[in-house]
Amino acid sequence: MRRLTQTALAALAFAAVAAPANAAQNAFPFFFAPLFQQIQPAQPVVAAYQPESRQPSYQPQETVRHTTRAIVAYGGHHAPGTVVINTSERRLYLVMAGGRAMRYAVGVGREGFQWAGTQTISNKQEWPDWRPPEEMIRRRPDLPRYMAGGPSNPLGARAMYLGGSLYRIHGSNEPETIGHAVSSGCIRMLNEDVVDLYNRVKVGTQVVVLR
């Protein structure tokens, strides 16, 4: 037993001499390290630097707006505020002060449905419902008797009713017909244009239709 103890002490002394210089910092000799290794506290995982993602902010595409309106010189005798429709030119003029007018392209009545005269705007409607008059239904029995207002409605975005007649200045769901003689007597405008005119006139505005 004494010999075994002496052998163990000799081994410890040898270990102290042979151990690396930094072994003094360890609590146990290096050959006992696997059994008595101190547990080091877990270090937080630091992610590699990632530059901030710079996605472009959402920019809605510019809405394509179609309009025919333009301010032009006007030499007529009508008072400012009057709406003048020249069906042969297929133009509508809103007379302004200073010899000017706001001009719009329009669709007009086809052959046999043209008319001329003076009316006043008796009513204004946004996205109006459509009820084809009896005369139109007799010509076109396939037409619906009623259509709610909306983008597919033939009256378009706005309607201005002319006196007690069946005629209106209104928008259209067929913009390709503007500038042509295709209607049953109503004055058609692009939706963007009819909204602009609608906002500029009021009930009681005089409307002069020329041929």
N, C-alpha and C. Protein backbone atom coordinates (compact mmCIF):
# COMPACT_ATOMS: atom_id res chain seq x y z
N MET A 1 0.84 -1.20 0.00
CA MET A 1 0.00 0.00 0.00
C MET A 1 0.87 1.25 0.00
N ARG A 2 1.94 1.20 0.86
CA ARG A 2 2.83 2.37 0.87
C ARG A 2 3.45 2.59 -0.49
N ARG A 3 3.82 1.47 -1.16
CA ARG A 3 4.43 1.61 -2.49
C ARG A 3 3.42 2.21 -3.47
N LEU A 4 2.12 1.81 -3.36
CA LEU A 4 1.10 2.36 -4.28
C LEU A 4 0.91 3.85 -4.03
N THR A 5 0.94 4.23 -2.78
CA THR A 5 0.78 5.65 -2.45
C THR A 5 1.96 6.46 -2.97
N GLN A 6 3.15 5.91 -2.79
CA GLN A 6 4.33 6.62 -3.29
C GLN A 6 4.28 6.76 -4.81
N THR A 7 3.79 5.69 -5.48
CA THR A 7 3.69 5.76 -6.95
C THR A 7 2.72 6.84 -7.38
N ALA A 8 1.58 6.96 -6.67
CA ALA A 8 0.58 7.98 -7.01
C ALA A 8 1.13 9.37 -6.78
N LEU A 9 1.85 9.57 -5.67
CA LEU A 9 2.43 10.88 -5.40
C LEU A 9 3.48 11.25 -6.43
N ALA A 10 4.23 10.24 -6.87
CA ALA A 10 5.23 10.50 -7.91
C ALA A 10 4.57 10.92 -9.20
N ALA A 11 3.47 10.27 -9.49
CA ALA A 11 2.74 10.64 -10.73
C ALA A 11 2.22 12.05 -10.65
N LEU A 12 1.71 12.45 -9.48
CA LEU A 12 1.20 13.82 -9.32
C LEU A 12 2.32 14.83 -9.47
N ALA A 13 3.49 14.49 -8.88
CA ALA A 13 4.62 15.42 -9.01
C ALA A 13 5.05 15.55 -10.45
N PHE A 14 5.07 14.44 -11.17
CA PHE A 14 5.44 14.48 -12.58
C PHE A 14 4.44 15.31 -13.38
N ALA A 15 3.19 15.16 -13.03
CA ALA A 15 2.15 15.91 -13.76
C ALA A 15 2.32 17.39 -13.54
N ALA A 16 2.67 17.75 -12.31
CA ALA A 16 2.84 19.18 -12.03
C ALA A 16 3.97 19.77 -12.83
N VAL A 17 5.05 18.97 -13.06
CA VAL A 17 6.18 19.46 -13.84
C VAL A 17 5.86 19.46 -15.33
N ALA A 18 5.16 18.40 -15.81
CA ALA A 18 4.93 18.25 -17.25
C ALA A 18 3.74 19.03 -17.76
N ALA A 19 2.88 19.50 -16.85
CA ALA A 19 1.68 20.20 -17.31
C ALA A 19 2.04 21.50 -18.00
N PRO A 20 1.21 21.98 -18.90
CA PRO A 20 1.46 23.27 -19.56
C PRO A 20 1.46 24.39 -18.57
N ALA A 21 2.02 25.53 -19.02
CA ALA A 21 2.18 26.66 -18.12
C ALA A 21 0.85 27.15 -17.58
N ASN A 22 -0.20 27.05 -18.39
CA ASN A 22 -1.49 27.57 -17.95
C ASN A 22 -2.26 26.57 -17.14
N ALA A 23 -1.64 25.40 -16.83
CA ALA A 23 -2.36 24.40 -16.06
C ALA A 23 -2.65 24.89 -14.66
N ALA A 24 -1.85 25.86 -14.16
CA ALA A 24 -2.08 26.36 -12.81
C ALA A 24 -3.43 27.02 -12.69
N GLN A 25 -3.96 27.44 -13.81
CA GLN A 25 -5.25 28.09 -13.78
C GLN A 25 -6.39 27.09 -13.66
N ASN A 26 -6.07 25.79 -13.90
CA ASN A 26 -7.11 24.77 -13.85
C ASN A 26 -7.19 24.19 -12.44
N ALA A 27 -8.35 23.76 -12.07
CA ALA A 27 -8.54 23.19 -10.73
C ALA A 27 -7.96 21.80 -10.62
N PHE A 28 -7.78 21.09 -11.75
CA PHE A 28 -7.32 19.71 -11.73
C PHE A 28 -6.24 19.52 -12.78
N PRO A 29 -5.37 18.52 -12.59
CA PRO A 29 -4.39 18.22 -13.64
C PRO A 29 -5.07 17.88 -14.94
N PHE A 30 -4.29 18.09 -16.03
CA PHE A 30 -4.90 17.95 -17.35
C PHE A 30 -5.41 16.56 -17.61
N PHE A 31 -4.77 15.49 -16.92
CA PHE A 31 -5.22 14.15 -17.28
C PHE A 31 -6.52 13.78 -16.55
N PHE A 32 -6.97 14.66 -15.59
CA PHE A 32 -8.28 14.45 -15.00
C PHE A 32 -9.33 15.38 -15.61
N ALA A 33 -8.94 16.19 -16.58
CA ALA A 33 -9.84 17.19 -17.14
C ALA A 33 -11.12 16.59 -17.70
N PRO A 34 -11.06 15.45 -18.46
CA PRO A 34 -12.32 14.90 -18.97
C PRO A 34 -13.30 14.58 -17.87
N LEU A 35 -12.82 14.30 -16.63
CA LEU A 35 -13.73 13.94 -15.55
C LEU A 35 -14.22 15.16 -14.78
N PHE A 36 -13.40 16.20 -14.72
CA PHE A 36 -13.73 17.31 -13.84
C PHE A 36 -13.76 18.66 -14.58
N GLN A 37 -13.94 18.65 -15.89
CA GLN A 37 -13.91 19.89 -16.67
C GLN A 37 -15.04 20.80 -16.24
N GLN A 38 -14.73 22.06 -15.98
CA GLN A 38 -15.75 23.01 -15.56
C GLN A 38 -16.67 23.34 -16.73
N ILE A 39 -17.92 23.48 -16.41
CA ILE A 39 -18.92 23.83 -17.45
C ILE A 39 -18.90 25.33 -17.65
N GLN A 40 -18.63 25.74 -18.87
CA GLN A 40 -18.60 27.16 -19.20
C GLN A 40 -20.02 27.64 -19.52
N PRO A 41 -20.36 28.84 -19.08
CA PRO A 41 -21.70 29.35 -19.41
C PRO A 41 -21.87 29.51 -20.91
N ALA A 42 -23.07 29.20 -21.39
CA ALA A 42 -23.34 29.29 -22.83
C ALA A 42 -23.21 30.73 -23.29
N GLN A 43 -22.56 30.91 -24.41
CA GLN A 43 -22.40 32.24 -24.99
C GLN A 43 -23.53 32.49 -25.99
N PRO A 44 -24.11 33.67 -25.96
CA PRO A 44 -25.18 33.95 -26.93
C PRO A 44 -24.65 33.89 -28.36
N VAL A 45 -25.47 33.36 -29.24
CA VAL A 45 -25.08 33.28 -30.64
C VAL A 45 -25.33 34.62 -31.29
N VAL A 46 -24.29 35.20 -31.80
CA VAL A 46 -24.39 36.51 -32.44
C VAL A 46 -24.47 36.29 -33.95
N ALA A 47 -25.57 36.69 -34.53
CA ALA A 47 -25.72 36.51 -35.98
C ALA A 47 -24.80 37.47 -36.71
N ALA A 48 -24.36 37.03 -37.85
CA ALA A 48 -23.55 37.91 -38.68
C ALA A 48 -24.36 39.13 -39.08
N TYR A 49 -23.71 40.26 -39.24
CA TYR A 49 -24.41 41.51 -39.59
C TYR A 49 -25.10 41.38 -40.94
N GLN A 50 -26.35 41.72 -40.93
CA GLN A 50 -27.13 41.74 -42.15
C GLN A 50 -27.59 43.17 -42.39
N PRO A 51 -27.24 43.75 -43.52
CA PRO A 51 -27.70 45.12 -43.77
C PRO A 51 -29.22 45.15 -43.83
N GLU A 52 -29.78 46.26 -43.40
CA GLU A 52 -31.24 46.41 -43.38
C GLU A 52 -31.79 46.27 -44.80
N SER A 53 -32.80 45.45 -44.91
CA SER A 53 -33.43 45.28 -46.22
C SER A 53 -34.18 46.54 -46.58
N ARG A 54 -33.91 47.08 -47.71
CA ARG A 54 -34.54 48.31 -48.14
C ARG A 54 -35.42 48.04 -49.36
N GLN A 55 -36.59 47.50 -49.09
CA GLN A 55 -37.53 47.27 -50.17
C GLN A 55 -38.14 48.60 -50.58
N PRO A 56 -38.33 48.81 -51.86
CA PRO A 56 -38.94 50.08 -52.28
C PRO A 56 -40.35 50.19 -51.73
N SER A 57 -40.69 51.38 -51.22
CA SER A 57 -42.03 51.58 -50.70
C SER A 57 -43.03 51.47 -51.84
N TYR A 58 -44.22 51.02 -51.50
CA TYR A 58 -45.25 50.80 -52.52
C TYR A 58 -45.66 52.12 -53.14
N GLN A 59 -45.58 52.17 -54.42
CA GLN A 59 -46.02 53.35 -55.16
C GLN A 59 -47.08 52.89 -56.15
N PRO A 60 -48.36 53.23 -55.91
CA PRO A 60 -49.37 52.81 -56.87
C PRO A 60 -49.10 53.41 -58.23
N GLN A 61 -49.39 52.63 -59.25
CA GLN A 61 -49.20 53.14 -60.60
C GLN A 61 -50.15 54.29 -60.84
N GLU A 62 -49.65 55.25 -61.54
CA GLU A 62 -50.48 56.40 -61.86
C GLU A 62 -51.68 55.95 -62.67
N THR A 63 -52.85 56.38 -62.21
CA THR A 63 -54.06 56.01 -62.92
C THR A 63 -54.09 56.73 -64.27
N VAL A 64 -54.28 55.96 -65.31
CA VAL A 64 -54.36 56.54 -66.64
C VAL A 64 -55.74 57.17 -66.80
N ARG A 65 -55.78 58.44 -67.00
CA ARG A 65 -57.04 59.15 -67.13
C ARG A 65 -57.18 59.63 -68.56
N HIS A 66 -58.35 59.38 -69.13
CA HIS A 66 -58.62 59.79 -70.49
C HIS A 66 -59.54 61.01 -70.44
N THR A 67 -59.19 62.04 -71.13
CA THR A 67 -60.00 63.25 -71.16
C THR A 67 -59.81 63.93 -72.50
N THR A 68 -60.83 64.64 -72.90
CA THR A 68 -60.73 65.42 -74.14
C THR A 68 -60.83 66.91 -73.84
N ARG A 69 -60.97 67.27 -72.58
CA ARG A 69 -61.27 68.67 -72.27
C ARG A 69 -60.06 69.57 -72.50
N ALA A 70 -60.36 70.77 -72.88
CA ALA A 70 -59.33 71.79 -73.12
C ALA A 70 -59.99 73.16 -73.05
N ILE A 71 -59.26 74.14 -72.58
CA ILE A 71 -59.75 75.52 -72.57
C ILE A 71 -59.40 76.15 -73.91
N VAL A 72 -60.43 76.69 -74.57
CA VAL A 72 -60.24 77.25 -75.92
C VAL A 72 -60.86 78.64 -75.97
N ALA A 73 -60.50 79.39 -77.02
CA ALA A 73 -61.13 80.69 -77.26
C ALA A 73 -62.57 80.45 -77.71
N TYR A 74 -63.46 81.33 -77.28
CA TYR A 74 -64.87 81.19 -77.63
C TYR A 74 -65.42 82.55 -78.05
N GLY A 75 -65.94 82.59 -79.26
CA GLY A 75 -66.43 83.87 -79.80
C GLY A 75 -67.94 83.95 -79.87
N GLY A 76 -68.65 82.99 -79.28
CA GLY A 76 -70.12 83.02 -79.32
C GLY A 76 -70.70 84.11 -78.42
N HIS A 77 -72.02 84.25 -78.49
CA HIS A 77 -72.70 85.30 -77.74
C HIS A 77 -73.34 84.79 -76.46
N HIS A 78 -73.16 83.53 -76.14
CA HIS A 78 -73.80 82.96 -74.96
C HIS A 78 -73.10 83.40 -73.67
N ALA A 79 -73.89 83.54 -72.63
CA ALA A 79 -73.36 84.04 -71.36
C ALA A 79 -72.50 82.97 -70.68
N PRO A 80 -71.52 83.42 -69.88
CA PRO A 80 -70.74 82.46 -69.11
C PRO A 80 -71.64 81.55 -68.26
N GLY A 81 -71.29 80.30 -68.21
CA GLY A 81 -72.10 79.33 -67.48
C GLY A 81 -73.04 78.53 -68.37
N THR A 82 -73.21 78.97 -69.62
CA THR A 82 -74.08 78.26 -70.56
C THR A 82 -73.35 77.06 -71.15
N VAL A 83 -74.08 75.97 -71.34
CA VAL A 83 -73.55 74.80 -72.03
C VAL A 83 -74.05 74.86 -73.47
N VAL A 84 -73.12 74.85 -74.40
CA VAL A 84 -73.45 74.89 -75.82
C VAL A 84 -72.94 73.62 -76.47
N ILE A 85 -73.83 72.89 -77.15
CA ILE A 85 -73.45 71.64 -77.80
C ILE A 85 -73.61 71.82 -79.30
N ASN A 86 -72.51 71.69 -80.02
CA ASN A 86 -72.53 71.76 -81.48
C ASN A 86 -72.47 70.32 -82.00
N THR A 87 -73.61 69.81 -82.45
CA THR A 87 -73.67 68.40 -82.83
C THR A 87 -72.91 68.12 -84.12
N SER A 88 -72.79 69.11 -85.00
CA SER A 88 -72.03 68.88 -86.23
C SER A 88 -70.53 68.78 -85.92
N GLU A 89 -70.07 69.55 -84.97
CA GLU A 89 -68.67 69.45 -84.54
C GLU A 89 -68.46 68.27 -83.58
N ARG A 90 -69.55 67.83 -82.95
CA ARG A 90 -69.47 66.82 -81.88
C ARG A 90 -68.58 67.32 -80.75
N ARG A 91 -68.91 68.54 -80.34
CA ARG A 91 -68.21 69.20 -79.26
C ARG A 91 -69.22 69.85 -78.32
N LEU A 92 -68.88 69.86 -77.04
CA LEU A 92 -69.67 70.56 -76.03
C LEU A 92 -68.79 71.66 -75.45
N TYR A 93 -69.37 72.85 -75.29
CA TYR A 93 -68.64 73.98 -74.75
C TYR A 93 -69.32 74.47 -73.47
N LEU A 94 -68.56 74.61 -72.42
CA LEU A 94 -69.04 75.29 -71.22
C LEU A 94 -68.44 76.69 -71.27
N VAL A 95 -69.30 77.67 -71.52
CA VAL A 95 -68.82 79.04 -71.72
C VAL A 95 -68.26 79.59 -70.42
N MET A 96 -67.09 80.21 -70.52
CA MET A 96 -66.42 80.82 -69.38
C MET A 96 -66.28 82.32 -69.61
N ALA A 97 -65.88 83.04 -68.60
CA ALA A 97 -65.66 84.48 -68.75
C ALA A 97 -64.40 84.73 -69.58
N GLY A 98 -64.33 85.95 -70.12
CA GLY A 98 -63.12 86.37 -70.82
C GLY A 98 -62.97 85.76 -72.21
N GLY A 99 -64.07 85.41 -72.86
CA GLY A 99 -63.98 84.88 -74.22
C GLY A 99 -63.34 83.50 -74.30
N ARG A 100 -63.56 82.69 -73.28
CA ARG A 100 -63.01 81.33 -73.28
C ARG A 100 -64.12 80.32 -73.00
N ALA A 101 -63.81 79.08 -73.24
CA ALA A 101 -64.77 78.01 -72.95
C ALA A 101 -63.99 76.73 -72.67
N MET A 102 -64.58 75.87 -71.85
CA MET A 102 -64.05 74.52 -71.65
C MET A 102 -64.71 73.64 -72.70
N ARG A 103 -63.90 72.99 -73.51
CA ARG A 103 -64.43 72.20 -74.63
C ARG A 103 -64.23 70.71 -74.35
N TYR A 104 -65.25 69.92 -74.71
CA TYR A 104 -65.20 68.46 -74.55
C TYR A 104 -65.68 67.81 -75.85
N ALA A 105 -65.15 66.66 -76.16
CA ALA A 105 -65.68 65.84 -77.26
C ALA A 105 -66.91 65.08 -76.75
N VAL A 106 -67.90 64.91 -77.64
CA VAL A 106 -69.12 64.20 -77.25
C VAL A 106 -69.56 63.27 -78.38
N GLY A 107 -70.40 62.32 -78.01
CA GLY A 107 -71.14 61.53 -78.98
C GLY A 107 -72.54 62.10 -79.08
N VAL A 108 -73.13 62.06 -80.27
CA VAL A 108 -74.44 62.70 -80.49
C VAL A 108 -75.39 61.70 -81.14
N GLY A 109 -76.62 62.18 -81.36
CA GLY A 109 -77.65 61.32 -81.94
C GLY A 109 -77.31 60.91 -83.37
N ARG A 110 -77.61 59.67 -83.67
CA ARG A 110 -77.38 59.19 -85.04
C ARG A 110 -78.47 59.75 -85.96
N GLU A 111 -78.33 59.49 -87.22
CA GLU A 111 -79.28 59.98 -88.23
C GLU A 111 -80.70 59.58 -87.85
N GLY A 112 -81.58 60.57 -87.85
CA GLY A 112 -82.97 60.36 -87.46
C GLY A 112 -83.23 60.62 -85.99
N PHE A 113 -82.19 60.81 -85.19
CA PHE A 113 -82.34 61.06 -83.76
C PHE A 113 -81.64 62.35 -83.34
N GLN A 114 -81.34 63.18 -84.30
CA GLN A 114 -80.70 64.45 -83.98
C GLN A 114 -81.77 65.49 -83.66
N TRP A 115 -81.40 66.44 -82.86
CA TRP A 115 -82.35 67.48 -82.48
C TRP A 115 -81.58 68.75 -82.13
N ALA A 116 -82.29 69.84 -82.02
CA ALA A 116 -81.71 71.12 -81.63
C ALA A 116 -82.74 71.85 -80.77
N GLY A 117 -82.25 72.76 -79.95
CA GLY A 117 -83.14 73.53 -79.09
C GLY A 117 -82.44 73.93 -77.82
N THR A 118 -83.23 74.53 -76.92
CA THR A 118 -82.71 75.01 -75.64
C THR A 118 -83.44 74.32 -74.50
N GLN A 119 -82.67 73.81 -73.56
CA GLN A 119 -83.20 73.14 -72.38
C GLN A 119 -82.45 73.67 -71.15
N THR A 120 -82.90 73.24 -70.00
CA THR A 120 -82.15 73.52 -68.78
C THR A 120 -81.90 72.20 -68.05
N ILE A 121 -80.84 72.17 -67.30
CA ILE A 121 -80.56 70.97 -66.50
C ILE A 121 -81.57 70.92 -65.36
N SER A 122 -82.39 69.88 -65.37
CA SER A 122 -83.46 69.76 -64.38
C SER A 122 -83.11 68.81 -63.23
N ASN A 123 -82.09 67.99 -63.42
CA ASN A 123 -81.72 67.02 -62.40
C ASN A 123 -80.29 66.56 -62.66
N LYS A 124 -79.60 66.16 -61.61
CA LYS A 124 -78.25 65.63 -61.72
C LYS A 124 -78.16 64.36 -60.88
N GLN A 125 -77.54 63.33 -61.45
CA GLN A 125 -77.43 62.06 -60.74
C GLN A 125 -76.02 61.49 -60.90
N GLU A 126 -75.50 60.95 -59.80
CA GLU A 126 -74.23 60.23 -59.84
C GLU A 126 -74.50 58.74 -60.02
N TRP A 127 -73.77 58.10 -60.92
CA TRP A 127 -73.96 56.69 -61.23
C TRP A 127 -75.46 56.36 -61.33
N PRO A 128 -76.13 57.00 -62.29
CA PRO A 128 -77.59 56.88 -62.36
C PRO A 128 -78.05 55.49 -62.78
N ASP A 129 -79.24 55.11 -62.29
CA ASP A 129 -79.91 53.92 -62.80
C ASP A 129 -80.43 54.23 -64.21
N TRP A 130 -80.69 53.18 -64.95
CA TRP A 130 -81.18 53.36 -66.32
C TRP A 130 -82.47 52.58 -66.52
N ARG A 131 -83.48 53.30 -66.97
CA ARG A 131 -84.75 52.70 -67.38
C ARG A 131 -85.02 53.14 -68.81
N PRO A 132 -84.78 52.28 -69.77
CA PRO A 132 -84.98 52.69 -71.18
C PRO A 132 -86.41 53.15 -71.40
N PRO A 133 -86.59 54.26 -72.11
CA PRO A 133 -87.96 54.72 -72.39
C PRO A 133 -88.69 53.73 -73.30
N GLU A 134 -90.02 53.82 -73.28
CA GLU A 134 -90.84 52.89 -74.06
C GLU A 134 -90.49 52.92 -75.54
N GLU A 135 -90.19 54.11 -76.05
CA GLU A 135 -89.84 54.22 -77.46
C GLU A 135 -88.61 53.37 -77.79
N MET A 136 -87.65 53.37 -76.89
CA MET A 136 -86.43 52.60 -77.12
C MET A 136 -86.71 51.11 -76.98
N ILE A 137 -87.56 50.74 -76.04
CA ILE A 137 -87.87 49.32 -75.86
C ILE A 137 -88.61 48.78 -77.07
N ARG A 138 -89.46 49.61 -77.67
CA ARG A 138 -90.16 49.15 -78.88
C ARG A 138 -89.17 48.89 -80.01
N ARG A 139 -88.14 49.70 -80.06
CA ARG A 139 -87.11 49.47 -81.10
C ARG A 139 -86.19 48.32 -80.73
N ARG A 140 -85.95 48.18 -79.43
CA ARG A 140 -85.01 47.16 -78.95
C ARG A 140 -85.66 46.34 -77.84
N PRO A 141 -86.51 45.38 -78.19
CA PRO A 141 -87.18 44.59 -77.14
C PRO A 141 -86.21 43.80 -76.26
N ASP A 142 -84.98 43.62 -76.72
CA ASP A 142 -84.01 42.85 -75.94
C ASP A 142 -83.42 43.64 -74.78
N LEU A 143 -83.68 44.94 -74.72
CA LEU A 143 -83.09 45.76 -73.66
C LEU A 143 -83.69 45.43 -72.31
N PRO A 144 -82.91 45.54 -71.25
CA PRO A 144 -83.47 45.34 -69.91
C PRO A 144 -84.43 46.48 -69.57
N ARG A 145 -85.39 46.20 -68.73
CA ARG A 145 -86.34 47.24 -68.31
C ARG A 145 -85.74 48.13 -67.23
N TYR A 146 -84.69 47.63 -66.58
CA TYR A 146 -84.04 48.40 -65.53
C TYR A 146 -82.60 47.92 -65.39
N MET A 147 -81.69 48.87 -65.18
CA MET A 147 -80.30 48.53 -64.91
C MET A 147 -79.78 49.46 -63.82
N ALA A 148 -79.26 48.88 -62.76
CA ALA A 148 -78.73 49.68 -61.66
C ALA A 148 -77.49 50.44 -62.12
N GLY A 149 -77.23 51.56 -61.48
CA GLY A 149 -76.04 52.35 -61.82
C GLY A 149 -74.76 51.59 -61.54
N GLY A 150 -73.74 51.88 -62.32
CA GLY A 150 -72.45 51.22 -62.16
C GLY A 150 -71.64 51.32 -63.42
N PRO A 151 -70.42 50.79 -63.41
CA PRO A 151 -69.53 50.91 -64.56
C PRO A 151 -70.08 50.32 -65.85
N SER A 152 -70.96 49.32 -65.78
CA SER A 152 -71.50 48.71 -66.99
C SER A 152 -72.78 49.37 -67.46
N ASN A 153 -73.24 50.36 -66.73
CA ASN A 153 -74.48 51.05 -67.10
C ASN A 153 -74.22 51.99 -68.27
N PRO A 154 -75.09 52.01 -69.29
CA PRO A 154 -74.87 52.89 -70.45
C PRO A 154 -74.83 54.38 -70.12
N LEU A 155 -75.39 54.78 -68.95
CA LEU A 155 -75.37 56.20 -68.60
C LEU A 155 -74.07 56.62 -67.94
N GLY A 156 -73.22 55.67 -67.65
CA GLY A 156 -71.90 56.01 -67.13
C GLY A 156 -71.92 56.59 -65.73
N ALA A 157 -70.92 57.42 -65.45
CA ALA A 157 -70.66 57.89 -64.08
C ALA A 157 -71.59 59.02 -63.64
N ARG A 158 -72.10 59.81 -64.55
CA ARG A 158 -72.95 60.96 -64.20
C ARG A 158 -73.99 61.17 -65.29
N ALA A 159 -75.11 61.77 -64.89
CA ALA A 159 -76.14 62.15 -65.86
C ALA A 159 -76.73 63.49 -65.47
N MET A 160 -76.94 64.33 -66.46
CA MET A 160 -77.61 65.62 -66.28
C MET A 160 -78.83 65.60 -67.19
N TYR A 161 -80.00 65.65 -66.59
CA TYR A 161 -81.26 65.50 -67.32
C TYR A 161 -81.68 66.85 -67.88
N LEU A 162 -82.15 66.84 -69.11
CA LEU A 162 -82.46 68.08 -69.83
C LEU A 162 -83.96 68.32 -69.81
N GLY A 163 -84.37 69.23 -68.95
CA GLY A 163 -85.78 69.59 -68.85
C GLY A 163 -86.66 68.38 -68.57
N GLY A 164 -87.81 68.32 -69.23
CA GLY A 164 -88.71 67.17 -69.11
C GLY A 164 -88.57 66.23 -70.28
N SER A 165 -87.50 66.39 -71.06
CA SER A 165 -87.32 65.55 -72.24
C SER A 165 -86.73 64.20 -71.85
N LEU A 166 -86.58 63.34 -72.84
CA LEU A 166 -85.94 62.04 -72.63
C LEU A 166 -84.43 62.12 -72.77
N TYR A 167 -83.93 63.33 -73.06
CA TYR A 167 -82.51 63.47 -73.36
C TYR A 167 -81.70 63.81 -72.11
N ARG A 168 -80.45 63.38 -72.16
CA ARG A 168 -79.54 63.62 -71.05
C ARG A 168 -78.14 63.89 -71.61
N ILE A 169 -77.36 64.58 -70.83
CA ILE A 169 -75.92 64.59 -71.02
C ILE A 169 -75.39 63.57 -70.01
N HIS A 170 -74.71 62.57 -70.47
CA HIS A 170 -74.31 61.50 -69.54
C HIS A 170 -72.97 60.89 -69.95
N GLY A 171 -72.44 60.09 -69.06
CA GLY A 171 -71.21 59.35 -69.35
C GLY A 171 -71.52 58.16 -70.24
N SER A 172 -70.57 57.24 -70.31
CA SER A 172 -70.77 56.10 -71.20
C SER A 172 -69.90 54.93 -70.77
N ASN A 173 -70.40 53.73 -71.02
CA ASN A 173 -69.58 52.52 -70.85
C ASN A 173 -68.96 52.10 -72.18
N GLU A 174 -69.09 52.96 -73.19
CA GLU A 174 -68.52 52.70 -74.52
C GLU A 174 -67.70 53.92 -74.95
N PRO A 175 -66.53 54.12 -74.37
CA PRO A 175 -65.76 55.33 -74.68
C PRO A 175 -65.38 55.45 -76.15
N GLU A 176 -65.35 54.33 -76.85
CA GLU A 176 -64.98 54.38 -78.27
C GLU A 176 -66.03 55.09 -79.13
N THR A 177 -67.24 55.31 -78.58
CA THR A 177 -68.30 55.96 -79.36
C THR A 177 -68.24 57.48 -79.28
N ILE A 178 -67.39 58.00 -78.41
CA ILE A 178 -67.30 59.46 -78.27
C ILE A 178 -66.71 60.04 -79.55
N GLY A 179 -67.36 61.10 -80.05
CA GLY A 179 -66.94 61.69 -81.31
C GLY A 179 -67.73 61.17 -82.49
N HIS A 180 -68.69 60.28 -82.24
CA HIS A 180 -69.49 59.69 -83.31
C HIS A 180 -70.97 59.97 -83.10
N ALA A 181 -71.74 59.79 -84.15
CA ALA A 181 -73.19 59.96 -84.09
C ALA A 181 -73.82 58.57 -83.96
N VAL A 182 -74.07 58.15 -82.72
CA VAL A 182 -74.50 56.77 -82.48
C VAL A 182 -75.65 56.66 -81.49
N SER A 183 -75.99 57.73 -80.79
CA SER A 183 -76.96 57.63 -79.71
C SER A 183 -78.38 57.80 -80.22
N SER A 184 -79.32 57.69 -79.29
CA SER A 184 -80.74 57.92 -79.60
C SER A 184 -81.13 59.36 -79.30
N GLY A 185 -80.17 60.24 -79.27
CA GLY A 185 -80.43 61.66 -79.05
C GLY A 185 -79.72 62.22 -77.84
N CYS A 186 -79.29 61.36 -76.93
CA CYS A 186 -78.55 61.84 -75.76
C CYS A 186 -77.15 62.28 -76.16
N ILE A 187 -76.56 63.07 -75.30
CA ILE A 187 -75.19 63.56 -75.50
C ILE A 187 -74.27 62.73 -74.61
N ARG A 188 -73.39 61.96 -75.23
CA ARG A 188 -72.49 61.09 -74.49
C ARG A 188 -71.13 61.76 -74.28
N MET A 189 -70.54 61.48 -73.14
CA MET A 189 -69.21 61.99 -72.84
C MET A 189 -68.38 60.88 -72.21
N LEU A 190 -67.07 61.03 -72.26
CA LEU A 190 -66.21 60.15 -71.47
C LEU A 190 -66.56 60.32 -70.00
N ASN A 191 -66.45 59.27 -69.23
CA ASN A 191 -66.78 59.36 -67.81
C ASN A 191 -65.97 60.43 -67.10
N GLU A 192 -64.68 60.52 -67.40
CA GLU A 192 -63.85 61.54 -66.76
C GLU A 192 -64.32 62.94 -67.12
N ASP A 193 -64.75 63.10 -68.36
CA ASP A 193 -65.21 64.42 -68.80
C ASP A 193 -66.56 64.77 -68.20
N VAL A 194 -67.47 63.80 -68.14
CA VAL A 194 -68.80 64.11 -67.61
C VAL A 194 -68.73 64.41 -66.11
N VAL A 195 -67.81 63.77 -65.40
CA VAL A 195 -67.63 64.09 -63.99
C VAL A 195 -67.13 65.53 -63.84
N ASP A 196 -66.21 65.93 -64.70
CA ASP A 196 -65.69 67.29 -64.65
C ASP A 196 -66.80 68.30 -64.94
N LEU A 197 -67.58 68.06 -65.98
CA LEU A 197 -68.68 68.98 -66.30
C LEU A 197 -69.72 69.00 -65.19
N TYR A 198 -70.05 67.84 -64.68
CA TYR A 198 -71.03 67.71 -63.60
C TYR A 198 -70.66 68.59 -62.41
N ASN A 199 -69.37 68.64 -62.10
CA ASN A 199 -68.91 69.43 -60.96
C ASN A 199 -68.90 70.93 -61.25
N ARG A 200 -69.03 71.30 -62.49
CA ARG A 200 -68.95 72.72 -62.87
C ARG A 200 -70.32 73.36 -63.08
N VAL A 201 -71.35 72.55 -63.29
CA VAL A 201 -72.67 73.10 -63.58
C VAL A 201 -73.64 72.78 -62.45
N LYS A 202 -74.78 73.41 -62.48
CA LYS A 202 -75.79 73.19 -61.43
C LYS A 202 -77.17 73.05 -62.08
N VAL A 203 -78.11 72.60 -61.30
CA VAL A 203 -79.49 72.52 -61.78
C VAL A 203 -79.95 73.93 -62.16
N GLY A 204 -80.56 74.05 -63.32
CA GLY A 204 -80.98 75.35 -63.83
C GLY A 204 -80.06 75.89 -64.91
N THR A 205 -78.89 75.27 -65.10
CA THR A 205 -77.97 75.71 -66.16
C THR A 205 -78.64 75.57 -67.53
N GLN A 206 -78.48 76.59 -68.35
CA GLN A 206 -79.05 76.55 -69.70
C GLN A 206 -78.17 75.72 -70.63
N VAL A 207 -78.81 74.88 -71.45
CA VAL A 207 -78.13 74.02 -72.41
C VAL A 207 -78.69 74.34 -73.79
N VAL A 208 -77.81 74.74 -74.69
CA VAL A 208 -78.20 75.08 -76.06
C VAL A 208 -77.63 74.03 -76.99
N VAL A 209 -78.48 73.36 -77.76
CA VAL A 209 -78.06 72.32 -78.69
C VAL A 209 -78.19 72.87 -80.11
N LEU A 210 -77.10 72.90 -80.83
CA LEU A 210 -77.05 73.43 -82.19
C LEU A 210 -76.80 72.29 -83.16
N ARG A 211 -77.30 72.45 -84.39
CA ARG A 211 -77.03 71.47 -85.43
C ARG A 211 -76.16 72.09 -86.53
